[in-house]
Amino acid sequence: MKKTLRKLLVFILIIGVLFVTACSSGEKTNSDNNKGDAGNSDAVTIRMAVFENDPNGMMEKARQKFNKEHDNIKIEFTQMSNDASQMHDQTVTQLSAGSENLDIVNMDVVWTAEFAESGWLLPLDDRFTEELQANYIGRQVDSVKYDDKTWAVPWFNDLHPLWYRTDLLEKYNLEVPETYEDAVKVAQKISKEEGIQGFTMHWGRSEQLIVSFTEFLHANGGDFFDENGKVIINSPEAVEALQFMVDMIEKYEVVSTSAIGHSTPEDSRIPFTQGQSLFNPNWGYVYSINQADDSAVKDKTWVASNFKFEGGKKANSVGGWNFAISSSSKHPDEAWEVIKWFTSAENQKEMLVGGGYAGTQLSLYEDAEVIKANPYLEEYTKAFEDASVRPSHPQYSKMSDIAQSYIHQALSGDLSPKEALDQLAKELEDIE
């Protein structure tokens, strides 16, 4: 009787998950936009996960172009949260339920092991061959491999460097600081003179917090694990790095307390684009938005590597997103055609020239038209020399969620940095 009841409860839970997935306001298909798409009514519909944030509308333009060029396939976008943690949970809900409402998965570089291990993706070794892989940025290709198989195609090449106000540094005859210690002094001086914030940060409890913390951690010589996999997140170097983040809020007052409520890149990008801060560590998409006609900082911002601590090294968190095919998709061949088209050199160039996301094809970064439209790319590419990688683990999302909690408690003043990292270390040691 207990087994029967348990099976019934599991069945009801699965039905509930499917219902919530279909109705969730956080995951919505562009059905209204799709009504205007021309094409064969018998075309196979491929549902493709994308961010709500679409710089200059280039993803939507690409979708419409694909639908006009193809009679046999129609793309519908499933919009996901800009908060990577929320997007992860939305995606897992659909994939774990075997939903057919998601053919193409939009996957963060740190999700590959988890999604592959869970059986939610189709391997792409026979489709995304070594010959094709040679056309893409090598480290982005590495991010889609796990257990000697290839699980996705890189489409978005991303890095989390420093964006800064060139006009204000020039006004006060200052160079971009090398260290966090000097950056705080510069931020204090200019924020006082100009009445603006020193830094805008996304330090809310989300994946963006781990992105930022990893940079401070690596810049001070710390890490989550040593080369043998031993947990070292509560080392003196790690505690010092977290303490400095706390001090930027409480002691130096160069980061507003509102930062601990900012969970998406947009939360910190918007005030920077509005001219309200000097520094904004953020992703590559910031440049094109800052250069828009309605931007308060047009032609006033540039990019550099994030700072280091005395005796440490600069660190810019590596990001990037990849397209994979859900193992529940009824149309894997058509899904592959969509991925191949979206990640082609031709489409990636068109998107980047139009101010969209930076692609992953190597040819883009030697294309004169692309460089002319995106002059920051040369400096942006140099910043990859200081690349900082978040830990790779089949249970990365669980690790991240735990780390977010303790780091956020330290920033909020509920725990000291040492207490937070000591407790985090204990929990990480228990993760298999």
Protein backbone atom coordinates (compact mmCIF):
# COMPACT_ATOMS: atom_id res chain seq x y z
CA MET A 1 0.00 0.00 0.00
CA LYS A 2 2.85 2.42 0.88
CA LYS A 3 4.64 1.69 -2.41
CA THR A 4 1.43 2.28 -4.37
CA LEU A 5 0.83 5.56 -2.55
CA ARG A 6 4.43 6.63 -3.14
CA LYS A 7 4.14 5.96 -6.88
CA LEU A 8 0.90 7.92 -7.01
CA LEU A 9 2.50 10.89 -5.25
CA VAL A 10 5.48 10.82 -7.67
CA PHE A 11 3.08 10.75 -10.63
CA ILE A 12 1.14 13.71 -9.27
CA LEU A 13 4.39 15.62 -8.67
CA ILE A 14 5.55 15.09 -12.24
CA ILE A 15 2.20 16.25 -13.64
CA GLY A 16 2.41 19.32 -11.41
CA VAL A 17 5.92 20.15 -12.60
CA LEU A 18 4.83 19.90 -16.23
CA PHE A 19 1.87 22.17 -15.56
CA VAL A 20 3.99 24.77 -13.76
CA THR A 21 6.59 24.63 -16.53
CA ALA A 22 3.97 25.25 -19.18
CA CYS A 23 2.43 28.16 -17.27
CA SER A 24 5.51 29.76 -15.71
CA SER A 25 5.76 33.47 -16.36
CA GLY A 26 9.55 33.19 -16.14
CA GLU A 27 9.65 30.93 -19.19
CA LYS A 28 7.55 32.28 -22.02
CA THR A 29 7.54 31.56 -25.70
CA ASN A 30 7.34 34.40 -28.16
CA SER A 31 3.96 33.21 -29.41
CA ASP A 32 2.74 36.75 -30.12
CA ASN A 33 5.84 37.56 -32.16
CA ASN A 34 5.64 34.23 -33.93
CA LYS A 35 2.18 35.00 -35.31
CA GLY A 36 3.76 37.30 -37.84
CA ASP A 37 6.27 34.71 -39.08
CA ALA A 38 5.81 33.57 -42.63
CA GLY A 39 6.23 29.91 -43.50
CA ASN A 40 4.68 26.54 -44.03
CA SER A 41 2.04 25.63 -41.43
CA ASP A 42 3.40 22.07 -41.57
CA ALA A 43 6.86 23.22 -40.48
CA VAL A 44 8.44 21.56 -37.45
CA THR A 45 8.49 23.94 -34.48
CA ILE A 46 11.76 24.05 -32.56
CA ARG A 47 11.63 25.66 -29.13
CA MET A 48 14.87 27.33 -28.22
CA ALA A 49 15.85 28.73 -24.81
CA VAL A 50 17.18 32.31 -24.83
CA PHE A 51 17.77 35.11 -22.34
CA GLU A 52 15.14 37.76 -21.73
CA ASN A 53 17.93 40.27 -22.32
CA ASP A 54 18.59 40.67 -26.06
CA PRO A 55 21.10 43.47 -26.82
CA ASN A 56 19.82 45.54 -29.74
CA GLY A 57 17.26 42.82 -30.49
CA MET A 58 19.79 40.84 -32.53
CA MET A 59 18.63 37.39 -31.36
CA GLU A 60 15.06 38.16 -32.36
CA LYS A 61 16.21 39.50 -35.73
CA ALA A 62 18.13 36.27 -36.29
CA ARG A 63 15.07 34.19 -35.38
CA GLN A 64 12.90 36.04 -37.85
CA LYS A 65 15.55 35.72 -40.57
CA PHE A 66 15.83 31.96 -40.00
CA ASN A 67 12.07 31.50 -40.16
CA LYS A 68 11.86 33.42 -43.45
CA GLU A 69 14.68 31.36 -44.97
CA HIS A 70 13.30 27.96 -43.91
CA ASP A 71 9.99 26.43 -44.90
CA ASN A 72 10.42 23.19 -42.99
CA ILE A 73 11.49 24.55 -39.57
CA LYS A 74 10.05 27.30 -37.41
CA ILE A 75 11.83 28.62 -34.30
CA GLU A 76 9.99 29.74 -31.20
CA PHE A 77 11.99 31.32 -28.40
CA THR A 78 11.44 30.26 -24.80
CA GLN A 79 12.60 33.25 -22.79
CA MET A 80 14.49 32.49 -19.60
CA SER A 81 15.50 34.65 -16.64
CA ASN A 82 18.60 36.83 -16.90
CA ASP A 83 19.49 35.53 -13.44
CA ALA A 84 21.70 32.50 -14.21
CA SER A 85 20.65 30.72 -11.01
CA GLN A 86 16.96 31.13 -11.83
CA MET A 87 17.59 30.14 -15.43
CA HIS A 88 19.36 27.00 -14.25
CA ASP A 89 16.38 26.02 -12.11
CA GLN A 90 13.91 26.77 -14.91
CA THR A 91 15.92 24.62 -17.31
CA VAL A 92 16.34 21.75 -14.84
CA THR A 93 12.58 21.77 -14.17
CA GLN A 94 11.85 21.21 -17.85
CA LEU A 95 14.64 18.73 -18.54
CA SER A 96 14.09 16.58 -15.45
CA ALA A 97 10.38 16.34 -16.27
CA GLY A 98 11.14 15.19 -19.82
CA SER A 99 9.29 18.19 -21.20
CA GLU A 100 8.98 18.46 -24.98
CA ASN A 101 8.69 22.24 -24.69
CA LEU A 102 12.46 22.71 -24.91
CA ASP A 103 14.34 21.32 -27.90
CA ILE A 104 17.43 23.49 -27.67
CA VAL A 105 19.01 24.10 -24.27
CA ASN A 106 20.88 27.36 -23.63
CA MET A 107 23.59 26.16 -21.28
CA ASP A 108 26.08 28.04 -19.10
CA VAL A 109 29.67 26.77 -19.33
CA VAL A 110 29.49 25.47 -15.75
CA TRP A 111 26.44 23.25 -16.38
CA THR A 112 27.95 20.80 -18.87
CA ALA A 113 28.98 18.10 -16.41
CA GLU A 114 25.72 18.23 -14.46
CA PHE A 115 23.43 18.12 -17.50
CA ALA A 116 25.44 15.40 -19.26
CA GLU A 117 25.68 13.29 -16.11
CA SER A 118 21.90 13.55 -15.66
CA GLY A 119 21.18 12.27 -19.17
CA TRP A 120 19.37 15.44 -20.22
CA LEU A 121 21.39 16.07 -23.39
CA LEU A 122 22.10 14.26 -26.63
CA PRO A 123 25.82 13.80 -27.41
CA LEU A 124 26.84 15.72 -30.51
CA ASP A 125 30.10 13.98 -31.46
CA ASP A 126 28.73 12.81 -34.82
CA ARG A 127 27.39 16.29 -35.62
CA PHE A 128 29.82 18.75 -34.05
CA THR A 129 32.89 17.05 -35.49
CA GLU A 130 36.53 17.88 -34.80
CA GLU A 131 36.66 19.55 -38.21
CA LEU A 132 33.87 21.94 -37.19
CA GLN A 133 35.30 22.42 -33.71
CA ALA A 134 38.53 23.75 -35.22
CA ASN A 135 36.63 26.87 -36.31
CA TYR A 136 35.70 27.80 -32.72
CA ILE A 137 37.61 29.28 -29.79
CA GLY A 138 39.43 26.38 -28.15
CA ARG A 139 38.61 27.04 -24.50
CA GLN A 140 34.92 27.43 -25.37
CA VAL A 141 35.00 24.05 -27.13
CA ASP A 142 36.63 22.57 -24.03
CA SER A 143 33.69 23.79 -21.95
CA VAL A 144 31.21 21.62 -23.89
CA LYS A 145 33.12 18.37 -23.33
CA TYR A 146 32.60 15.93 -20.50
CA ASP A 147 33.36 12.23 -20.05
CA ASP A 148 35.10 12.10 -23.45
CA LYS A 149 31.99 13.31 -25.29
CA THR A 150 30.85 16.58 -26.84
CA TRP A 151 27.51 17.87 -25.57
CA ALA A 152 26.95 21.30 -27.10
CA VAL A 153 28.13 23.95 -29.55
CA PRO A 154 29.59 27.23 -28.22
CA TRP A 155 27.61 30.28 -29.37
CA PHE A 156 28.42 33.07 -26.91
CA ASN A 157 32.00 33.96 -25.96
CA ASP A 158 31.93 35.81 -22.67
CA LEU A 159 34.25 37.30 -20.07
CA HIS A 160 33.64 39.36 -16.92
CA PRO A 161 36.24 42.15 -17.01
CA LEU A 162 36.23 45.72 -15.68
CA TRP A 163 34.31 48.51 -17.43
CA TYR A 164 35.36 52.00 -16.39
CA ARG A 165 34.76 55.69 -17.09
CA THR A 166 37.58 56.96 -19.28
CA ASP A 167 36.39 60.55 -19.08
CA LEU A 168 36.53 60.68 -15.29
CA LEU A 169 39.97 59.10 -15.02
CA GLU A 170 41.25 61.57 -17.60
CA LYS A 171 39.58 64.49 -15.79
CA TYR A 172 41.53 63.69 -12.64
CA ASN A 173 44.67 62.68 -14.53
CA LEU A 174 44.54 59.11 -13.22
CA GLU A 175 45.42 55.77 -14.80
CA VAL A 176 43.42 52.56 -14.40
CA PRO A 177 44.62 51.18 -11.03
CA GLU A 178 46.45 47.87 -10.92
CA THR A 179 45.36 46.76 -7.45
CA TYR A 180 42.12 46.67 -5.50
CA GLU A 181 43.77 48.69 -2.77
CA ASP A 182 44.54 51.53 -5.20
CA ALA A 183 41.18 51.17 -6.96
CA VAL A 184 39.41 51.87 -3.68
CA LYS A 185 41.40 55.09 -3.23
CA VAL A 186 40.60 56.23 -6.76
CA ALA A 187 36.92 55.35 -6.32
CA GLN A 188 36.73 57.26 -3.03
CA LYS A 189 38.28 60.38 -4.56
CA ILE A 190 36.15 60.49 -7.71
CA SER A 191 32.90 59.45 -6.04
CA LYS A 192 33.34 62.28 -3.53
CA GLU A 193 34.11 64.86 -6.22
CA GLU A 194 31.44 63.73 -8.69
CA GLY A 195 28.71 62.57 -6.33
CA ILE A 196 28.56 59.11 -7.89
CA GLN A 197 29.17 55.54 -6.72
CA GLY A 198 32.64 54.03 -6.84
CA PHE A 199 31.58 50.56 -8.01
CA THR A 200 28.30 49.04 -9.12
CA MET A 201 28.29 45.31 -8.30
CA HIS A 202 25.92 42.37 -8.69
CA TRP A 203 26.40 40.82 -5.27
CA GLY A 204 22.90 39.52 -4.69
CA ARG A 205 22.41 35.85 -3.89
CA SER A 206 22.78 34.43 -7.39
CA GLU A 207 25.37 32.92 -9.70
CA GLN A 208 26.67 36.43 -10.37
CA LEU A 209 27.92 36.54 -6.78
CA ILE A 210 30.08 33.46 -7.42
CA VAL A 211 31.39 35.09 -10.60
CA SER A 212 32.51 38.15 -8.62
CA PHE A 213 33.76 36.26 -5.57
CA THR A 214 35.86 33.96 -7.75
CA GLU A 215 37.65 37.00 -9.14
CA PHE A 216 38.48 38.38 -5.69
CA LEU A 217 39.44 34.88 -4.53
CA HIS A 218 41.83 34.19 -7.42
CA ALA A 219 43.22 37.73 -7.34
CA ASN A 220 44.44 37.01 -3.80
CA GLY A 221 45.85 33.56 -4.56
CA GLY A 222 42.93 31.60 -3.12
CA ASP A 223 40.72 28.90 -4.62
CA PHE A 224 37.84 26.55 -3.83
CA PHE A 225 39.96 23.37 -4.16
CA ASP A 226 43.65 22.58 -4.46
CA GLU A 227 45.14 20.51 -7.29
CA ASN A 228 44.26 17.29 -5.43
CA GLY A 229 40.61 18.27 -4.95
CA LYS A 230 41.00 19.19 -1.27
CA VAL A 231 38.68 21.95 -0.06
CA ILE A 232 40.69 25.13 0.68
CA ILE A 233 37.93 27.73 0.48
CA ASN A 234 38.57 28.78 4.10
CA SER A 235 42.28 29.48 3.60
CA PRO A 236 43.68 32.79 4.90
CA GLU A 237 43.84 34.08 1.32
CA ALA A 238 40.16 33.32 0.77
CA VAL A 239 39.12 34.92 4.06
CA GLU A 240 41.14 38.06 3.20
CA ALA A 241 39.46 38.29 -0.21
CA LEU A 242 35.96 38.04 1.24
CA GLN A 243 36.84 40.47 4.02
CA PHE A 244 37.91 43.01 1.40
CA MET A 245 34.55 42.66 -0.36
CA VAL A 246 32.81 43.34 2.95
CA ASP A 247 35.10 46.31 3.59
CA MET A 248 34.24 47.81 0.19
CA ILE A 249 30.69 48.18 1.54
CA GLU A 250 31.20 48.86 5.23
CA LYS A 251 34.66 50.42 5.61
CA TYR A 252 35.56 52.08 2.33
CA GLU A 253 31.98 52.82 1.23
CA VAL A 254 32.75 52.41 -2.46
CA VAL A 255 30.05 49.77 -2.99
CA SER A 256 26.45 50.58 -2.08
CA THR A 257 24.54 48.24 0.23
CA SER A 258 22.04 47.94 -2.64
CA ALA A 259 24.62 45.72 -4.39
CA ILE A 260 23.72 42.79 -2.13
CA GLY A 261 20.26 42.86 -3.71
CA HIS A 262 21.53 42.94 -7.30
CA SER A 263 21.19 39.43 -8.71
CA THR A 264 21.57 40.02 -12.46
CA PRO A 265 24.21 41.75 -14.60
CA GLU A 266 21.59 44.32 -15.61
CA ASP A 267 21.10 45.37 -11.99
CA SER A 268 24.64 46.72 -11.89
CA ARG A 269 24.94 47.67 -15.57
CA ILE A 270 21.97 50.06 -15.66
CA PRO A 271 23.28 52.60 -13.12
CA PHE A 272 26.70 52.47 -14.80
CA THR A 273 25.19 53.23 -18.21
CA GLN A 274 23.20 56.02 -16.57
CA GLY A 275 26.46 57.63 -15.46
CA GLN A 276 26.08 56.84 -11.78
CA SER A 277 29.37 55.01 -11.12
CA LEU A 278 33.06 54.87 -11.97
CA PHE A 279 33.68 51.10 -12.18
CA ASN A 280 31.46 48.19 -13.21
CA PRO A 281 32.87 44.64 -13.41
CA ASN A 282 30.49 43.03 -15.89
CA TRP A 283 30.09 40.89 -19.00
CA GLY A 284 31.05 41.79 -22.57
CA TYR A 285 27.59 42.86 -23.71
CA VAL A 286 27.98 46.11 -21.73
CA TYR A 287 29.96 47.86 -24.48
CA SER A 288 27.26 47.95 -27.14
CA ILE A 289 24.63 49.17 -24.67
CA ASN A 290 26.94 51.90 -23.37
CA GLN A 291 27.41 53.04 -26.96
CA ALA A 292 23.69 53.38 -27.67
CA ASP A 293 22.41 56.87 -28.52
CA ASP A 294 20.39 57.05 -25.30
CA SER A 295 23.36 56.12 -23.10
CA ALA A 296 24.66 58.75 -20.68
CA VAL A 297 28.19 57.36 -21.10
CA LYS A 298 28.45 56.97 -24.86
CA ASP A 299 32.12 57.17 -25.89
CA LYS A 300 33.07 57.49 -22.21
CA THR A 301 33.74 53.86 -21.19
CA TRP A 302 36.39 51.26 -21.89
CA VAL A 303 37.45 47.82 -20.74
CA ALA A 304 40.40 46.36 -18.83
CA SER A 305 41.21 43.37 -16.66
CA ASN A 306 39.89 43.45 -13.13
CA PHE A 307 42.29 44.45 -10.38
CA LYS A 308 44.61 42.25 -8.35
CA PHE A 309 45.69 42.29 -4.73
CA GLU A 310 49.25 43.13 -3.74
CA GLY A 311 51.27 40.03 -4.61
CA GLY A 312 48.36 38.46 -6.49
CA LYS A 313 47.23 38.33 -10.11
CA LYS A 314 44.39 39.83 -12.11
CA ALA A 315 41.32 37.67 -12.60
CA ASN A 316 38.38 37.91 -15.01
CA SER A 317 35.74 35.20 -14.68
CA VAL A 318 35.16 33.20 -17.85
CA GLY A 319 31.59 32.82 -18.98
CA GLY A 320 30.00 31.72 -22.19
CA TRP A 321 26.85 29.92 -23.26
CA ASN A 322 26.37 26.87 -25.41
CA PHE A 323 23.50 25.36 -27.38
CA ALA A 324 22.67 21.71 -26.71
CA ILE A 325 19.87 19.38 -27.79
CA SER A 326 17.52 18.07 -25.14
CA SER A 327 17.35 14.28 -24.97
CA SER A 328 13.54 14.70 -24.80
CA SER A 329 13.34 16.55 -28.12
CA LYS A 330 11.17 14.87 -30.76
CA HIS A 331 13.07 16.69 -33.50
CA PRO A 332 16.83 16.42 -32.90
CA ASP A 333 17.72 16.69 -36.61
CA GLU A 334 15.81 19.95 -36.99
CA ALA A 335 17.22 21.21 -33.68
CA TRP A 336 20.71 20.57 -35.01
CA GLU A 337 19.96 22.58 -38.17
CA VAL A 338 18.92 25.51 -35.98
CA ILE A 339 22.06 25.29 -33.82
CA LYS A 340 24.30 24.98 -36.87
CA TRP A 341 22.71 28.08 -38.42
CA PHE A 342 22.78 30.19 -35.24
CA THR A 343 26.43 29.38 -34.51
CA SER A 344 27.61 29.81 -38.11
CA ALA A 345 30.28 32.40 -38.83
CA GLU A 346 27.86 34.32 -41.06
CA ASN A 347 25.15 34.69 -38.39
CA GLN A 348 27.60 35.34 -35.56
CA LYS A 349 29.20 38.13 -37.58
CA GLU A 350 25.85 39.72 -38.41
CA MET A 351 24.85 39.64 -34.74
CA LEU A 352 28.14 41.09 -33.48
CA VAL A 353 28.25 43.87 -36.08
CA GLY A 354 24.69 44.72 -35.06
CA GLY A 355 25.69 45.08 -31.40
CA GLY A 356 24.59 41.65 -30.21
CA TYR A 357 26.41 38.95 -28.27
CA ALA A 358 30.04 38.13 -29.07
CA GLY A 359 30.26 34.87 -30.99
CA THR A 360 32.61 31.94 -30.72
CA GLN A 361 33.91 31.58 -34.28
CA LEU A 362 37.64 32.34 -34.50
CA SER A 363 37.21 34.23 -37.77
CA LEU A 364 35.21 36.96 -36.02
CA TYR A 365 38.22 38.24 -34.14
CA GLU A 366 40.22 38.82 -37.33
CA ASP A 367 37.37 40.38 -39.31
CA ALA A 368 37.94 44.07 -40.06
CA GLU A 369 34.21 44.86 -40.21
CA VAL A 370 33.62 43.22 -36.84
CA ILE A 371 36.55 45.05 -35.21
CA LYS A 372 35.43 48.39 -36.67
CA ALA A 373 31.94 47.93 -35.19
CA ASN A 374 33.35 46.62 -31.90
CA PRO A 375 36.71 48.33 -31.28
CA TYR A 376 36.74 47.09 -27.68
CA LEU A 377 37.31 43.51 -28.87
CA GLU A 378 41.08 43.89 -29.09
CA GLU A 379 41.36 44.92 -25.44
CA TYR A 380 38.63 42.46 -24.49
CA THR A 381 40.61 39.62 -26.08
CA LYS A 382 43.73 40.65 -24.15
CA ALA A 383 41.72 40.39 -20.93
CA PHE A 384 41.31 36.67 -21.61
CA GLU A 385 44.98 36.33 -20.67
CA ASP A 386 43.79 36.88 -17.09
CA ALA A 387 40.96 34.36 -17.38
CA SER A 388 39.57 32.96 -14.12
CA VAL A 389 37.53 29.75 -14.19
CA ARG A 390 34.88 28.72 -11.69
CA PRO A 391 35.26 25.13 -10.41
CA SER A 392 34.11 22.31 -12.69
CA HIS A 393 32.04 19.65 -10.93
CA PRO A 394 29.02 17.40 -11.74
CA GLN A 395 27.29 19.02 -8.76
CA TYR A 396 28.47 22.53 -9.50
CA SER A 397 25.00 24.05 -9.15
CA LYS A 398 24.60 22.59 -5.67
CA MET A 399 28.05 23.86 -4.71
CA SER A 400 27.26 27.29 -6.10
CA ASP A 401 23.96 27.51 -4.26
CA ILE A 402 25.63 26.68 -0.94
CA ALA A 403 28.48 29.11 -1.59
CA GLN A 404 26.06 31.89 -2.54
CA SER A 405 24.31 31.52 0.81
CA TYR A 406 27.42 31.81 2.97
CA ILE A 407 29.14 34.53 0.94
CA HIS A 408 25.95 36.57 0.91
CA GLN A 409 25.59 36.19 4.68
CA ALA A 410 29.08 37.61 5.07
CA LEU A 411 28.32 40.58 2.81
CA SER A 412 25.06 41.17 4.70
CA GLY A 413 26.88 41.16 8.05
CA ASP A 414 25.14 38.04 9.38
CA LEU A 415 28.41 36.09 9.55
CA SER A 416 32.05 37.12 9.62
CA PRO A 417 34.02 36.16 6.48
CA LYS A 418 35.90 33.47 8.45
CA GLU A 419 32.70 32.01 9.92
CA ALA A 420 31.07 31.99 6.50
CA LEU A 421 33.96 30.26 4.73
CA ASP A 422 34.58 27.77 7.55
CA GLN A 423 30.94 26.67 7.32
CA LEU A 424 31.11 26.63 3.53
CA ALA A 425 34.21 24.43 3.64
CA LYS A 426 32.44 21.87 5.85
CA GLU A 427 29.50 21.63 3.45
CA LEU A 428 31.71 21.37 0.35
CA GLU A 429 33.63 18.51 1.97
CA ASP A 430 30.35 16.58 2.26
CA ILE A 431 29.51 16.88 -1.45
CA GLU A 432 30.49 13.73 -3.29
